[in-house]
Amino acid sequence: LPKTPDSITDEMCSDIKNLFENENDFEEKGGNKAMGESLERGHVAAFSLWDDIDVHMMWLDSCYPE
């Protein structure tokens, strides 16, 4: 990265997408400007709380299966 990010900006998102060679779909969808407009319209937070006792939810944030 050109610099250490300290906030979520369109430039930071672009830098991260380039670093990992991902398509910049955030920019294609309008970036932070579009996100701000969307938030002004209102959002609903939806949460799902659960536990996976068989594999301790390793599928979520690890290299699973081992």
C-alpha atoms as a PDB file:
ATOM      1  CA  LEU A   1       0.000   0.000   0.000  1.00  0.00           C
ATOM      2  CA  PRO A   2       1.226   3.523  -0.683  1.00  0.00           C
ATOM      3  CA  LYS A   3       0.479   4.516   2.917  1.00  0.00           C
ATOM      4  CA  THR A   4      -1.036   3.046   6.071  1.00  0.00           C
ATOM      5  CA  PRO A   5      -4.808   3.582   5.922  1.00  0.00           C
ATOM      6  CA  ASP A   6      -6.400   5.441   8.816  1.00  0.00           C
ATOM      7  CA  SER A   7      -9.892   5.739   7.341  1.00  0.00           C
ATOM      8  CA  ILE A   8     -12.073   4.151   4.676  1.00  0.00           C
ATOM      9  CA  THR A   9     -11.714   6.319   1.580  1.00  0.00           C
ATOM     10  CA  ASP A  10     -12.273   5.569  -2.092  1.00  0.00           C
ATOM     11  CA  GLU A  11      -8.479   5.793  -2.538  1.00  0.00           C
ATOM     12  CA  MET A  12      -7.852   3.266   0.261  1.00  0.00           C
ATOM     13  CA  CYS A  13     -10.432   0.874  -1.190  1.00  0.00           C
ATOM     14  CA  SER A  14      -8.821   1.170  -4.618  1.00  0.00           C
ATOM     15  CA  ASP A  15      -5.356   0.549  -3.145  1.00  0.00           C
ATOM     16  CA  ILE A  16      -6.566  -2.598  -1.347  1.00  0.00           C
ATOM     17  CA  LYS A  17      -8.351  -3.904  -4.448  1.00  0.00           C
ATOM     18  CA  ASN A  18      -5.172  -3.347  -6.494  1.00  0.00           C
ATOM     19  CA  LEU A  19      -2.986  -4.979  -3.836  1.00  0.00           C
ATOM     20  CA  PHE A  20      -5.043  -8.185  -3.921  1.00  0.00           C
ATOM     21  CA  GLU A  21      -5.746  -7.923  -7.672  1.00  0.00           C
ATOM     22  CA  ASN A  22      -9.517  -7.819  -7.098  1.00  0.00           C
ATOM     23  CA  GLU A  23     -12.076  -6.158  -9.332  1.00  0.00           C
ATOM     24  CA  ASN A  24     -12.958  -2.746  -7.887  1.00  0.00           C
ATOM     25  CA  ASP A  25     -16.704  -3.323  -7.751  1.00  0.00           C
ATOM     26  CA  PHE A  26     -16.998  -0.792  -4.904  1.00  0.00           C
ATOM     27  CA  GLU A  27     -15.879   1.982  -7.261  1.00  0.00           C
ATOM     28  CA  GLU A  28     -18.075   0.652 -10.079  1.00  0.00           C
ATOM     29  CA  LYS A  29     -21.078   0.927  -7.733  1.00  0.00           C
ATOM     30  CA  GLY A  30     -20.314   4.547  -6.806  1.00  0.00           C
ATOM     31  CA  GLY A  31     -17.842   4.211  -3.937  1.00  0.00           C
ATOM     32  CA  ASN A  32     -18.307   6.122  -0.702  1.00  0.00           C
ATOM     33  CA  LYS A  33     -20.629   8.671  -2.314  1.00  0.00           C
ATOM     34  CA  ALA A  34     -23.118   5.929  -3.198  1.00  0.00           C
ATOM     35  CA  MET A  35     -22.666   4.338   0.233  1.00  0.00           C
ATOM     36  CA  GLY A  36     -23.470   7.655   1.931  1.00  0.00           C
ATOM     37  CA  GLU A  37     -26.573   8.117  -0.200  1.00  0.00           C
ATOM     38  CA  SER A  38     -27.672   4.585   0.652  1.00  0.00           C
ATOM     39  CA  LEU A  39     -27.142   5.150   4.382  1.00  0.00           C
ATOM     40  CA  GLU A  40     -29.199   8.346   4.213  1.00  0.00           C
ATOM     41  CA  ARG A  41     -32.140   6.267   2.947  1.00  0.00           C
ATOM     42  CA  GLY A  42     -31.821   4.000   5.987  1.00  0.00           C
ATOM     43  CA  HIS A  43     -30.647   0.456   6.621  1.00  0.00           C
ATOM     44  CA  VAL A  44     -31.831  -2.431   8.737  1.00  0.00           C
ATOM     45  CA  ALA A  45     -29.270  -4.387  10.732  1.00  0.00           C
ATOM     46  CA  ALA A  46     -29.873  -8.134  10.606  1.00  0.00           C
ATOM     47  CA  PHE A  47     -27.840 -10.484  12.792  1.00  0.00           C
ATOM     48  CA  SER A  48     -27.656 -14.234  12.987  1.00  0.00           C
ATOM     49  CA  LEU A  49     -25.985 -15.614  16.111  1.00  0.00           C
ATOM     50  CA  TRP A  50     -25.098 -19.289  16.199  1.00  0.00           C
ATOM     51  CA  ASP A  51     -22.308 -21.750  16.853  1.00  0.00           C
ATOM     52  CA  ASP A  52     -20.986 -24.688  14.849  1.00  0.00           C
ATOM     53  CA  ILE A  53     -19.868 -27.269  17.426  1.00  0.00           C
ATOM     54  CA  ASP A  54     -18.591 -29.754  14.826  1.00  0.00           C
ATOM     55  CA  VAL A  55     -15.865 -27.582  13.293  1.00  0.00           C
ATOM     56  CA  HIS A  56     -15.907 -24.547  15.611  1.00  0.00           C
ATOM     57  CA  MET A  57     -16.908 -22.263  12.717  1.00  0.00           C
ATOM     58  CA  MET A  58     -13.519 -22.772  11.066  1.00  0.00           C
ATOM     59  CA  TRP A  59     -15.181 -22.462   7.642  1.00  0.00           C
ATOM     60  CA  LEU A  60     -15.789 -18.792   8.431  1.00  0.00           C
ATOM     61  CA  ASP A  61     -12.285 -17.425   8.827  1.00  0.00           C
ATOM     62  CA  SER A  62      -9.670 -20.115   8.384  1.00  0.00           C
ATOM     63  CA  CYS A  63      -8.312 -22.708   5.998  1.00  0.00           C
ATOM     64  CA  TYR A  64     -10.980 -25.375   6.354  1.00  0.00           C
ATOM     65  CA  PRO A  65     -10.912 -28.273   5.939  1.00  0.00           C
ATOM     66  CA  GLU A  66      -7.450 -28.591   7.395  1.00  0.00           C
END
